[in-house]
Amino acid sequence: MSNRLNISSGAILEDLVGYSRAVRIGNTVEVSGSTSVEGDKVLHPGDPYHQTIATLETIQKALDQAGAKLVDVIRTRIYVTDIEQDWEAIGKAHGSFFSDIQPATTMIEVSRFIHPDMLVEIEATAIISE
């Protein structure tokens, strides 16, 4: 496991649940499902666009810590609680980070998240070009 790097964001649930914000092995980085939170507070309740921006900023920070960049992202998975109402705002925010990169992506509606104010959760996979 000497080539494994675990990245923590300091989120409250990381230790409780036993996960890392991101894990890098070799040139691959997997970023855990991330949401728009700071400490135990959900940021931008009721605003899917700004929740997505904050979530992608968290992902970008984790990638940076792992030695990756947004351009290295090959896949994102977007989970939303109301795809009919929020897909466009979430897609627009995602596009503001990835319009030139265009990773493979999936958007899926889920019934809920850990906190009722969370509207979107995103995972990312990156392969660092060497």
Protein backbone atom coordinates (compact mmCIF):
# COMPACT_ATOMS: atom_id res chain seq x y z
CA MET A 1 0.00 0.00 0.00
CA SER A 2 3.02 2.29 -0.27
CA ASN A 3 1.68 3.81 -3.49
CA ARG A 4 -1.72 4.61 -1.96
CA LEU A 5 -2.50 8.19 -0.97
CA ASN A 6 -5.67 8.91 1.04
CA ILE A 7 -6.92 12.50 0.88
CA SER A 8 -9.08 13.90 3.67
CA SER A 9 -11.23 17.01 3.43
CA GLY A 10 -11.81 17.02 7.18
CA ALA A 11 -15.51 16.27 6.73
CA ILE A 12 -17.17 15.10 9.92
CA LEU A 13 -18.40 11.83 8.42
CA GLU A 14 -15.02 10.70 7.04
CA ASP A 15 -13.81 9.22 10.35
CA LEU A 16 -17.26 8.09 11.46
CA VAL A 17 -18.01 6.20 8.25
CA GLY A 18 -14.39 5.30 7.46
CA TYR A 19 -13.76 6.82 4.05
CA SER A 20 -11.47 9.31 2.32
CA ARG A 21 -12.51 12.28 0.20
CA ALA A 22 -10.21 10.87 -2.48
CA VAL A 23 -7.81 7.99 -2.97
CA ARG A 24 -4.89 7.97 -5.39
CA ILE A 25 -3.19 4.76 -6.46
CA GLY A 26 -0.66 5.15 -9.23
CA ASN A 27 -2.03 7.67 -11.71
CA THR A 28 -5.70 7.02 -10.84
CA VAL A 29 -7.69 9.21 -8.44
CA GLU A 30 -11.18 8.34 -7.25
CA VAL A 31 -13.10 11.13 -5.51
CA SER A 32 -15.88 10.08 -3.14
CA GLY A 33 -19.39 11.40 -3.43
CA SER A 34 -19.12 15.05 -2.47
CA THR A 35 -21.78 17.56 -1.48
CA SER A 36 -22.10 21.23 -0.67
CA VAL A 37 -21.22 21.22 3.02
CA GLU A 38 -18.98 23.08 5.40
CA GLY A 39 -18.60 21.36 8.75
CA ASP A 40 -22.11 20.19 9.58
CA LYS A 41 -23.84 22.95 7.58
CA VAL A 42 -25.31 22.43 4.10
CA LEU A 43 -24.40 25.39 1.91
CA HIS A 44 -26.91 27.02 -0.44
CA PRO A 45 -30.12 25.22 0.64
CA GLY A 46 -32.69 25.18 -2.14
CA ASP A 47 -30.13 26.28 -4.78
CA PRO A 48 -28.99 23.38 -6.98
CA TYR A 49 -26.69 25.56 -9.13
CA HIS A 50 -24.64 26.91 -6.23
CA GLN A 51 -24.65 23.56 -4.43
CA THR A 52 -23.12 22.05 -7.55
CA ILE A 53 -20.50 24.80 -7.80
CA ALA A 54 -19.52 24.29 -4.13
CA THR A 55 -19.44 20.51 -4.63
CA LEU A 56 -17.19 20.77 -7.67
CA GLU A 57 -14.89 23.14 -5.76
CA THR A 58 -14.55 20.43 -3.08
CA ILE A 59 -13.74 17.88 -5.79
CA GLN A 60 -11.23 20.23 -7.39
CA LYS A 61 -9.47 20.75 -4.04
CA ALA A 62 -9.28 16.97 -3.47
CA LEU A 63 -7.86 16.47 -6.96
CA ASP A 64 -5.26 19.17 -6.32
CA GLN A 65 -4.22 17.45 -3.09
CA ALA A 66 -3.86 14.19 -5.02
CA GLY A 67 -1.70 15.81 -7.69
CA ALA A 68 -4.44 15.83 -10.34
CA LYS A 69 -6.22 18.57 -12.26
CA LEU A 70 -9.74 18.93 -13.60
CA VAL A 71 -8.40 18.14 -17.08
CA ASP A 72 -7.48 14.67 -15.74
CA VAL A 73 -11.13 13.88 -14.91
CA ILE A 74 -12.48 11.18 -17.21
CA ARG A 75 -15.83 10.52 -15.47
CA THR A 76 -18.30 12.20 -13.17
CA ARG A 77 -21.42 10.73 -11.59
CA ILE A 78 -24.07 13.22 -10.55
CA TYR A 79 -26.82 12.21 -8.12
CA VAL A 80 -29.80 14.56 -7.75
CA THR A 81 -32.99 14.49 -5.69
CA ASP A 82 -35.20 16.21 -8.31
CA ILE A 83 -33.88 15.62 -11.81
CA GLU A 84 -36.92 17.14 -13.53
CA GLN A 85 -36.65 20.44 -11.70
CA ASP A 86 -32.88 20.72 -11.15
CA TRP A 87 -31.05 18.99 -14.01
CA GLU A 88 -30.55 22.15 -16.03
CA ALA A 89 -29.07 24.23 -13.18
CA ILE A 90 -26.85 21.34 -12.12
CA GLY A 91 -25.80 20.69 -15.71
CA LYS A 92 -24.98 24.37 -16.24
CA ALA A 93 -22.78 24.39 -13.11
CA HIS A 94 -21.08 21.14 -14.18
CA GLY A 95 -20.48 22.67 -17.61
CA SER A 96 -18.82 25.71 -16.06
CA PHE A 97 -16.07 23.37 -14.84
CA PHE A 98 -16.04 20.75 -17.59
CA SER A 99 -17.27 22.24 -20.89
CA ASP A 100 -13.81 22.03 -22.46
CA ILE A 101 -12.85 18.74 -20.77
CA GLN A 102 -16.09 16.86 -21.41
CA PRO A 103 -15.65 13.78 -19.19
CA ALA A 104 -18.05 10.88 -19.47
CA THR A 105 -20.90 11.62 -17.07
CA THR A 106 -24.11 10.26 -15.69
CA MET A 107 -26.93 12.08 -13.91
CA ILE A 108 -29.21 9.92 -11.78
CA GLU A 109 -32.18 10.80 -9.59
CA VAL A 110 -32.08 9.41 -6.05
CA SER A 111 -34.74 9.56 -3.34
CA ARG A 112 -32.67 11.48 -0.77
CA PHE A 113 -29.31 12.18 0.85
CA ILE A 114 -28.13 12.15 4.46
CA HIS A 115 -29.40 15.71 4.99
CA PRO A 116 -32.73 16.90 3.51
CA ASP A 117 -31.19 20.20 2.26
CA MET A 118 -28.71 18.37 0.02
CA LEU A 119 -29.82 18.46 -3.61
CA VAL A 120 -26.77 17.08 -5.44
CA GLU A 121 -23.84 14.73 -4.82
CA ILE A 122 -21.00 14.17 -7.29
CA GLU A 123 -18.26 11.54 -7.66
CA ALA A 124 -15.26 11.86 -10.00
CA THR A 125 -12.60 9.63 -11.50
CA ALA A 126 -9.32 11.10 -12.77
CA ILE A 127 -6.36 9.55 -14.54
CA ILE A 128 -3.26 11.69 -14.29
CA SER A 129 -1.35 12.06 -17.56
CA GLU A 130 2.31 11.40 -17.02
